[in-house]
Amino acid sequence: MNIHQVTLYSRPGCHLCEDAAELLEDIAQRIPLAVTEINILTDTDLYERYKHSIPVITIAGGPTLAAPIRAAMLEQALRRPVRD
């Protein structure tokens, strides 16, 4: 079984980011995920890229989703086969 490599770009104090993290935890109960959370405040380039669109979720070999992240859309993207 393949595991989706997922990156969540967020920042402290972002309620939408917290919601996205909880959503990923919930989905991980059904779909194998390896989630890495990155605080955009630790990298100037990431901050400039994502400051107006967090949370941002990237799926390796798949789409990038930005706020607002809908549960159904995220789960649909994660149900696609993992590309090597």
PDB file of N, CA and C in Angstrom:
ATOM      1  N   MET A   1       0.845  -1.188   0.000  1.00  0.00           N
ATOM      2  CA  MET A   1       0.000   0.000   0.000  1.00  0.00           C
ATOM      3  C   MET A   1       0.889   1.250   0.000  1.00  0.00           C
ATOM      4  N   ASN A   2       0.602   2.143  -0.920  1.00  0.00           N
ATOM      5  CA  ASN A   2       1.389   3.374  -1.017  1.00  0.00           C
ATOM      6  C   ASN A   2       0.870   4.424  -0.053  1.00  0.00           C
ATOM      7  N   ILE A   3       1.798   5.239   0.395  1.00  0.00           N
ATOM      8  CA  ILE A   3       1.469   6.316   1.336  1.00  0.00           C
ATOM      9  C   ILE A   3       1.605   7.650   0.606  1.00  0.00           C
ATOM     10  N   HIS A   4       0.591   8.488   0.737  1.00  0.00           N
ATOM     11  CA  HIS A   4       0.651   9.835   0.167  1.00  0.00           C
ATOM     12  C   HIS A   4       1.561  10.701   1.031  1.00  0.00           C
ATOM     13  N   GLN A   5       2.504  11.378   0.376  1.00  0.00           N
ATOM     14  CA  GLN A   5       3.363  12.342   1.047  1.00  0.00           C
ATOM     15  C   GLN A   5       2.672  13.702   0.938  1.00  0.00           C
ATOM     16  N   VAL A   6       2.318  14.268   2.080  1.00  0.00           N
ATOM     17  CA  VAL A   6       1.526  15.496   2.123  1.00  0.00           C
ATOM     18  C   VAL A   6       2.283  16.544   2.928  1.00  0.00           C
ATOM     19  N   THR A   7       2.299  17.768   2.434  1.00  0.00           N
ATOM     20  CA  THR A   7       2.900  18.885   3.170  1.00  0.00           C
ATOM     21  C   THR A   7       1.815  19.915   3.443  1.00  0.00           C
ATOM     22  N   LEU A   8       1.736  20.315   4.711  1.00  0.00           N
ATOM     23  CA  LEU A   8       0.803  21.368   5.133  1.00  0.00           C
ATOM     24  C   LEU A   8       1.615  22.602   5.478  1.00  0.00           C
ATOM     25  N   TYR A   9       1.420  23.663   4.725  1.00  0.00           N
ATOM     26  CA  TYR A   9       2.068  24.950   5.010  1.00  0.00           C
ATOM     27  C   TYR A   9       1.112  25.760   5.875  1.00  0.00           C
ATOM     28  N   SER A  10       1.612  26.217   7.019  1.00  0.00           N
ATOM     29  CA  SER A  10       0.752  26.908   7.979  1.00  0.00           C
ATOM     30  C   SER A  10       1.584  27.915   8.768  1.00  0.00           C
ATOM     31  N   ARG A  11       0.919  28.533   9.736  1.00  0.00           N
ATOM     32  CA  ARG A  11       1.630  29.401  10.685  1.00  0.00           C
ATOM     33  C   ARG A  11       0.889  29.347  12.008  1.00  0.00           C
ATOM     34  N   PRO A  12       1.586  29.608  13.102  1.00  0.00           N
ATOM     35  CA  PRO A  12       0.928  29.597  14.414  1.00  0.00           C
ATOM     36  C   PRO A  12      -0.198  30.630  14.473  1.00  0.00           C
ATOM     37  N   GLY A  13      -1.270  30.272  15.170  1.00  0.00           N
ATOM     38  CA  GLY A  13      -2.383  31.188  15.353  1.00  0.00           C
ATOM     39  C   GLY A  13      -3.363  31.225  14.197  1.00  0.00           C
ATOM     40  N   CYS A  14      -3.164  30.393  13.204  1.00  0.00           N
ATOM     41  CA  CYS A  14      -4.042  30.349  12.032  1.00  0.00           C
ATOM     42  C   CYS A  14      -5.099  29.275  12.270  1.00  0.00           C
ATOM     43  N   HIS A  15      -6.326  29.706  12.510  1.00  0.00           N
ATOM     44  CA  HIS A  15      -7.391  28.745  12.809  1.00  0.00           C
ATOM     45  C   HIS A  15      -7.722  27.866  11.604  1.00  0.00           C
ATOM     46  N   LEU A  16      -7.657  28.424  10.408  1.00  0.00           N
ATOM     47  CA  LEU A  16      -7.888  27.611   9.216  1.00  0.00           C
ATOM     48  C   LEU A  16      -6.810  26.541   9.076  1.00  0.00           C
ATOM     49  N   CYS A  17      -5.579  26.878   9.481  1.00  0.00           N
ATOM     50  CA  CYS A  17      -4.479  25.912   9.430  1.00  0.00           C
ATOM     51  C   CYS A  17      -4.734  24.777  10.417  1.00  0.00           C
ATOM     52  N   GLU A  18      -5.207  25.136  11.608  1.00  0.00           N
ATOM     53  CA  GLU A  18      -5.530  24.119  12.608  1.00  0.00           C
ATOM     54  C   GLU A  18      -6.635  23.206  12.092  1.00  0.00           C
ATOM     55  N   ASP A  19      -7.631  23.781  11.440  1.00  0.00           N
ATOM     56  CA  ASP A  19      -8.715  22.986  10.861  1.00  0.00           C
ATOM     57  C   ASP A  19      -8.178  22.037   9.784  1.00  0.00           C
ATOM     58  N   ALA A  20      -7.258  22.525   8.960  1.00  0.00           N
ATOM     59  CA  ALA A  20      -6.685  21.692   7.902  1.00  0.00           C
ATOM     60  C   ALA A  20      -5.883  20.538   8.504  1.00  0.00           C
ATOM     61  N   ALA A  21      -5.137  20.802   9.580  1.00  0.00           N
ATOM     62  CA  ALA A  21      -4.364  19.746  10.245  1.00  0.00           C
ATOM     63  C   ALA A  21      -5.299  18.681  10.818  1.00  0.00           C
ATOM     64  N   GLU A  22      -6.383  19.117  11.430  1.00  0.00           N
ATOM     65  CA  GLU A  22      -7.362  18.167  11.976  1.00  0.00           C
ATOM     66  C   GLU A  22      -8.013  17.363  10.854  1.00  0.00           C
ATOM     67  N   LEU A  23      -8.297  18.003   9.751  1.00  0.00           N
ATOM     68  CA  LEU A  23      -8.884  17.319   8.605  1.00  0.00           C
ATOM     69  C   LEU A  23      -7.934  16.235   8.093  1.00  0.00           C
ATOM     70  N   LEU A  24      -6.648  16.557   7.999  1.00  0.00           N
ATOM     71  CA  LEU A  24      -5.664  15.571   7.560  1.00  0.00           C
ATOM     72  C   LEU A  24      -5.582  14.403   8.539  1.00  0.00           C
ATOM     73  N   GLU A  25      -5.633  14.697   9.837  1.00  0.00           N
ATOM     74  CA  GLU A  25      -5.616  13.628  10.840  1.00  0.00           C
ATOM     75  C   GLU A  25      -6.823  12.716  10.670  1.00  0.00           C
ATOM     76  N   ASP A  26      -7.970  13.298  10.420  1.00  0.00           N
ATOM     77  CA  ASP A  26      -9.184  12.516  10.222  1.00  0.00           C
ATOM     78  C   ASP A  26      -9.077  11.632   8.979  1.00  0.00           C
ATOM     79  N   ILE A  27      -8.629  12.205   7.889  1.00  0.00           N
ATOM     80  CA  ILE A  27      -8.501  11.457   6.640  1.00  0.00           C
ATOM     81  C   ILE A  27      -7.452  10.361   6.774  1.00  0.00           C
ATOM     82  N   ALA A  28      -6.409  10.604   7.560  1.00  0.00           N
ATOM     83  CA  ALA A  28      -5.346   9.608   7.750  1.00  0.00           C
ATOM     84  C   ALA A  28      -5.854   8.336   8.418  1.00  0.00           C
ATOM     85  N   GLN A  29      -7.033   8.384   9.023  1.00  0.00           N
ATOM     86  CA  GLN A  29      -7.631   7.183   9.596  1.00  0.00           C
ATOM     87  C   GLN A  29      -8.121   6.238   8.496  1.00  0.00           C
ATOM     88  N   ARG A  30      -8.350   6.783   7.286  1.00  0.00           N
ATOM     89  CA  ARG A  30      -8.887   6.000   6.178  1.00  0.00           C
ATOM     90  C   ARG A  30      -7.920   5.831   5.014  1.00  0.00           C
ATOM     91  N   ILE A  31      -7.034   6.809   4.852  1.00  0.00           N
ATOM     92  CA  ILE A  31      -6.105   6.821   3.723  1.00  0.00           C
ATOM     93  C   ILE A  31      -4.698   7.000   4.293  1.00  0.00           C
ATOM     94  N   PRO A  32      -3.737   6.135   3.912  1.00  0.00           N
ATOM     95  CA  PRO A  32      -2.383   6.263   4.450  1.00  0.00           C
ATOM     96  C   PRO A  32      -1.715   7.575   4.022  1.00  0.00           C
ATOM     97  N   LEU A  33      -1.341   8.381   5.007  1.00  0.00           N
ATOM     98  CA  LEU A  33      -0.700   9.673   4.765  1.00  0.00           C
ATOM     99  C   LEU A  33       0.567   9.809   5.596  1.00  0.00           C
ATOM    100  N   ALA A  34       1.544  10.479   5.051  1.00  0.00           N
ATOM    101  CA  ALA A  34       2.709  10.935   5.804  1.00  0.00           C
ATOM    102  C   ALA A  34       2.679  12.453   5.683  1.00  0.00           C
ATOM    103  N   VAL A  35       2.325  13.119   6.770  1.00  0.00           N
ATOM    104  CA  VAL A  35       2.116  14.569   6.749  1.00  0.00           C
ATOM    105  C   VAL A  35       3.296  15.287   7.386  1.00  0.00           C
ATOM    106  N   THR A  36       3.797  16.278   6.678  1.00  0.00           N
ATOM    107  CA  THR A  36       4.828  17.173   7.201  1.00  0.00           C
ATOM    108  C   THR A  36       4.208  18.554   7.282  1.00  0.00           C
ATOM    109  N   GLU A  37       4.262  19.166   8.466  1.00  0.00           N
ATOM    110  CA  GLU A  37       3.733  20.523   8.621  1.00  0.00           C
ATOM    111  C   GLU A  37       4.901  21.500   8.668  1.00  0.00           C
ATOM    112  N   ILE A  38       4.807  22.538   7.864  1.00  0.00           N
ATOM    113  CA  ILE A  38       5.867  23.540   7.779  1.00  0.00           C
ATOM    114  C   ILE A  38       5.308  24.901   8.152  1.00  0.00           C
ATOM    115  N   ASN A  39       5.957  25.531   9.126  1.00  0.00           N
ATOM    116  CA  ASN A  39       5.602  26.878   9.568  1.00  0.00           C
ATOM    117  C   ASN A  39       6.228  27.867   8.585  1.00  0.00           C
ATOM    118  N   ILE A  40       5.396  28.589   7.851  1.00  0.00           N
ATOM    119  CA  ILE A  40       5.919  29.510   6.834  1.00  0.00           C
ATOM    120  C   ILE A  40       6.695  30.679   7.436  1.00  0.00           C
ATOM    121  N   LEU A  41       6.553  30.923   8.724  1.00  0.00           N
ATOM    122  CA  LEU A  41       7.271  32.031   9.354  1.00  0.00           C
ATOM    123  C   LEU A  41       8.758  31.739   9.510  1.00  0.00           C
ATOM    124  N   THR A  42       9.161  30.480   9.300  1.00  0.00           N
ATOM    125  CA  THR A  42      10.573  30.116   9.451  1.00  0.00           C
ATOM    126  C   THR A  42      11.361  30.294   8.162  1.00  0.00           C
ATOM    127  N   ASP A  43      10.696  30.669   7.075  1.00  0.00           N
ATOM    128  CA  ASP A  43      11.358  30.793   5.782  1.00  0.00           C
ATOM    129  C   ASP A  43      10.753  31.971   5.026  1.00  0.00           C
ATOM    130  N   THR A  44      11.566  32.969   4.744  1.00  0.00           N
ATOM    131  CA  THR A  44      11.084  34.187   4.090  1.00  0.00           C
ATOM    132  C   THR A  44      10.433  33.896   2.736  1.00  0.00           C
ATOM    133  N   ASP A  45      11.041  33.020   1.947  1.00  0.00           N
ATOM    134  CA  ASP A  45      10.482  32.702   0.632  1.00  0.00           C
ATOM    135  C   ASP A  45       9.115  32.038   0.760  1.00  0.00           C
ATOM    136  N   LEU A  46       8.991  31.081   1.693  1.00  0.00           N
ATOM    137  CA  LEU A  46       7.698  30.427   1.908  1.00  0.00           C
ATOM    138  C   LEU A  46       6.661  31.423   2.405  1.00  0.00           C
ATOM    139  N   TYR A  47       7.082  32.314   3.290  1.00  0.00           N
ATOM    140  CA  TYR A  47       6.161  33.324   3.803  1.00  0.00           C
ATOM    141  C   TYR A  47       5.633  34.194   2.661  1.00  0.00           C
ATOM    142  N   GLU A  48       6.531  34.665   1.816  1.00  0.00           N
ATOM    143  CA  GLU A  48       6.113  35.520   0.702  1.00  0.00           C
ATOM    144  C   GLU A  48       5.203  34.761  -0.263  1.00  0.00           C
ATOM    145  N   ARG A  49       5.475  33.485  -0.477  1.00  0.00           N
ATOM    146  CA  ARG A  49       4.689  32.684  -1.417  1.00  0.00           C
ATOM    147  C   ARG A  49       3.289  32.382  -0.879  1.00  0.00           C
ATOM    148  N   TYR A  50       3.185  32.086   0.424  1.00  0.00           N
ATOM    149  CA  TYR A  50       1.939  31.558   0.971  1.00  0.00           C
ATOM    150  C   TYR A  50       1.209  32.461   1.967  1.00  0.00           C
ATOM    151  N   LYS A  51       1.729  33.639   2.271  1.00  0.00           N
ATOM    152  CA  LYS A  51       1.161  34.454   3.353  1.00  0.00           C
ATOM    153  C   LYS A  51      -0.323  34.782   3.171  1.00  0.00           C
ATOM    154  N   HIS A  52      -0.791  34.857   1.935  1.00  0.00           N
ATOM    155  CA  HIS A  52      -2.188  35.210   1.701  1.00  0.00           C
ATOM    156  C   HIS A  52      -3.063  34.008   1.339  1.00  0.00           C
ATOM    157  N   SER A  53      -2.473  32.811   1.331  1.00  0.00           N
ATOM    158  CA  SER A  53      -3.244  31.656   0.878  1.00  0.00           C
ATOM    159  C   SER A  53      -3.230  30.479   1.848  1.00  0.00           C
ATOM    160  N   ILE A  54      -2.583  30.619   3.018  1.00  0.00           N
ATOM    161  CA  ILE A  54      -2.550  29.484   3.941  1.00  0.00           C
ATOM    162  C   ILE A  54      -3.928  29.219   4.514  1.00  0.00           C
ATOM    163  N   PRO A  55      -4.203  27.991   4.869  1.00  0.00           N
ATOM    164  CA  PRO A  55      -3.319  26.843   4.733  1.00  0.00           C
ATOM    165  C   PRO A  55      -3.201  26.396   3.280  1.00  0.00           C
ATOM    166  N   VAL A  56      -2.038  25.836   2.984  1.00  0.00           N
ATOM    167  CA  VAL A  56      -1.789  25.246   1.672  1.00  0.00           C
ATOM    168  C   VAL A  56      -1.382  23.802   1.909  1.00  0.00           C
ATOM    169  N   ILE A  57      -1.984  22.898   1.164  1.00  0.00           N
ATOM    170  CA  ILE A  57      -1.647  21.484   1.257  1.00  0.00           C
ATOM    171  C   ILE A  57      -1.143  21.047  -0.105  1.00  0.00           C
ATOM    172  N   THR A  58       0.078  20.489  -0.124  1.00  0.00           N
ATOM    173  CA  THR A  58       0.607  19.927  -1.359  1.00  0.00           C
ATOM    174  C   THR A  58       0.644  18.408  -1.212  1.00  0.00           C
ATOM    175  N   ILE A  59       0.283  17.738  -2.267  1.00  0.00           N
ATOM    176  CA  ILE A  59       0.282  16.282  -2.312  1.00  0.00           C
ATOM    177  C   ILE A  59       1.323  15.879  -3.351  1.00  0.00           C
ATOM    178  N   ALA A  60       2.351  15.128  -2.921  1.00  0.00           N
ATOM    179  CA  ALA A  60       3.413  14.715  -3.840  1.00  0.00           C
ATOM    180  C   ALA A  60       2.808  13.971  -5.023  1.00  0.00           C
ATOM    181  N   GLY A  61       3.161  14.407  -6.231  1.00  0.00           N
ATOM    182  CA  GLY A  61       2.632  13.789  -7.432  1.00  0.00           C
ATOM    183  C   GLY A  61       1.191  14.148  -7.715  1.00  0.00           C
ATOM    184  N   GLY A  62       0.669  15.102  -6.973  1.00  0.00           N
ATOM    185  CA  GLY A  62      -0.737  15.464  -7.127  1.00  0.00           C
ATOM    186  C   GLY A  62      -0.932  16.959  -7.052  1.00  0.00           C
ATOM    187  N   PRO A  63      -2.145  17.351  -6.719  1.00  0.00           N
ATOM    188  CA  PRO A  63      -2.474  18.776  -6.721  1.00  0.00           C
ATOM    189  C   PRO A  63      -1.990  19.519  -5.478  1.00  0.00           C
ATOM    190  N   THR A  64      -2.059  20.833  -5.569  1.00  0.00           N
ATOM    191  CA  THR A  64      -1.841  21.729  -4.438  1.00  0.00           C
ATOM    192  C   THR A  64      -3.173  22.390  -4.145  1.00  0.00           C
ATOM    193  N   LEU A  65      -3.579  22.353  -2.878  1.00  0.00           N
ATOM    194  CA  LEU A  65      -4.843  22.956  -2.463  1.00  0.00           C
ATOM    195  C   LEU A  65      -4.566  24.112  -1.520  1.00  0.00           C
ATOM    196  N   ALA A  66      -5.271  25.220  -1.712  1.00  0.00           N
ATOM    197  CA  ALA A  66      -5.118  26.393  -0.851  1.00  0.00           C
ATOM    198  C   ALA A  66      -6.468  26.741  -0.253  1.00  0.00           C
ATOM    199  N   ALA A  67      -6.438  27.537   0.804  1.00  0.00           N
ATOM    200  CA  ALA A  67      -7.657  27.937   1.499  1.00  0.00           C
ATOM    201  C   ALA A  67      -8.617  28.591   0.514  1.00  0.00           C
ATOM    202  N   PRO A  68      -9.877  28.305   0.646  1.00  0.00           N
ATOM    203  CA  PRO A  68     -10.491  27.394   1.616  1.00  0.00           C
ATOM    204  C   PRO A  68     -10.378  25.943   1.166  1.00  0.00           C
ATOM    205  N   ILE A  69      -9.961  25.090   2.080  1.00  0.00           N
ATOM    206  CA  ILE A  69      -9.796  23.665   1.775  1.00  0.00           C
ATOM    207  C   ILE A  69     -11.063  22.944   2.204  1.00  0.00           C
ATOM    208  N   ARG A  70     -11.696  22.311   1.260  1.00  0.00           N
ATOM    209  CA  ARG A  70     -12.923  21.570   1.509  1.00  0.00           C
ATOM    210  C   ARG A  70     -12.595  20.096   1.729  1.00  0.00           C
ATOM    211  N   ALA A  71     -13.220  19.497   2.727  1.00  0.00           N
ATOM    212  CA  ALA A  71     -12.950  18.106   3.083  1.00  0.00           C
ATOM    213  C   ALA A  71     -13.144  17.174   1.895  1.00  0.00           C
ATOM    214  N   ALA A  72     -14.241  17.321   1.179  1.00  0.00           N
ATOM    215  CA  ALA A  72     -14.539  16.432   0.057  1.00  0.00           C
ATOM    216  C   ALA A  72     -13.491  16.560  -1.047  1.00  0.00           C
ATOM    217  N   MET A  73     -13.062  17.779  -1.334  1.00  0.00           N
ATOM    218  CA  MET A  73     -12.067  18.003  -2.375  1.00  0.00           C
ATOM    219  C   MET A  73     -10.723  17.380  -1.984  1.00  0.00           C
ATOM    220  N   LEU A  74     -10.340  17.548  -0.723  1.00  0.00           N
ATOM    221  CA  LEU A  74      -9.076  16.999  -0.243  1.00  0.00           C
ATOM    222  C   LEU A  74      -9.112  15.473  -0.282  1.00  0.00           C
ATOM    223  N   GLU A  75     -10.184  14.903   0.214  1.00  0.00           N
ATOM    224  CA  GLU A  75     -10.278  13.439   0.236  1.00  0.00           C
ATOM    225  C   GLU A  75     -10.295  12.883  -1.186  1.00  0.00           C
ATOM    226  N   GLN A  76     -10.977  13.533  -2.090  1.00  0.00           N
ATOM    227  CA  GLN A  76     -11.003  13.084  -3.491  1.00  0.00           C
ATOM    228  C   GLN A  76      -9.590  13.101  -4.067  1.00  0.00           C
ATOM    229  N   ALA A  77      -8.836  14.143  -3.795  1.00  0.00           N
ATOM    230  CA  ALA A  77      -7.453  14.235  -4.307  1.00  0.00           C
ATOM    231  C   ALA A  77      -6.586  13.129  -3.713  1.00  0.00           C
ATOM    232  N   LEU A  78      -6.823  12.789  -2.445  1.00  0.00           N
ATOM    233  CA  LEU A  78      -6.015  11.771  -1.780  1.00  0.00           C
ATOM    234  C   LEU A  78      -6.436  10.350  -2.149  1.00  0.00           C
ATOM    235  N   ARG A  79      -7.582  10.175  -2.738  1.00  0.00           N
ATOM    236  CA  ARG A  79      -8.027   8.841  -3.153  1.00  0.00           C
ATOM    237  C   ARG A  79      -7.440   8.446  -4.507  1.00  0.00           C
ATOM    238  N   ARG A  80      -6.810   9.387  -5.183  1.00  0.00           N
ATOM    239  CA  ARG A  80      -6.146   9.051  -6.440  1.00  0.00           C
ATOM    240  C   ARG A  80      -4.900   8.218  -6.130  1.00  0.00           C
ATOM    241  N   PRO A  81      -4.521   7.327  -7.053  1.00  0.00           N
ATOM    242  CA  PRO A  81      -3.335   6.501  -6.820  1.00  0.00           C
ATOM    243  C   PRO A  81      -2.080   7.349  -6.650  1.00  0.00           C
ATOM    244  N   VAL A  82      -1.182   6.902  -5.791  1.00  0.00           N
ATOM    245  CA  VAL A  82       0.098   7.578  -5.587  1.00  0.00           C
ATOM    246  C   VAL A  82       0.963   7.350  -6.815  1.00  0.00           C
ATOM    247  N   ARG A  83       1.533   8.432  -7.345  1.00  0.00           N
ATOM    248  CA  ARG A  83       2.459   8.321  -8.486  1.00  0.00           C
ATOM    249  C   ARG A  83       3.869   8.237  -7.943  1.00  0.00           C
ATOM    250  N   ASP A  84       4.643   7.322  -8.497  1.00  0.00           N
ATOM    251  CA  ASP A  84       6.039   7.185  -8.056  1.00  0.00           C
ATOM    252  C   ASP A  84       6.933   8.155  -8.776  1.00  0.00           C
TER     253      ASP A  84
END
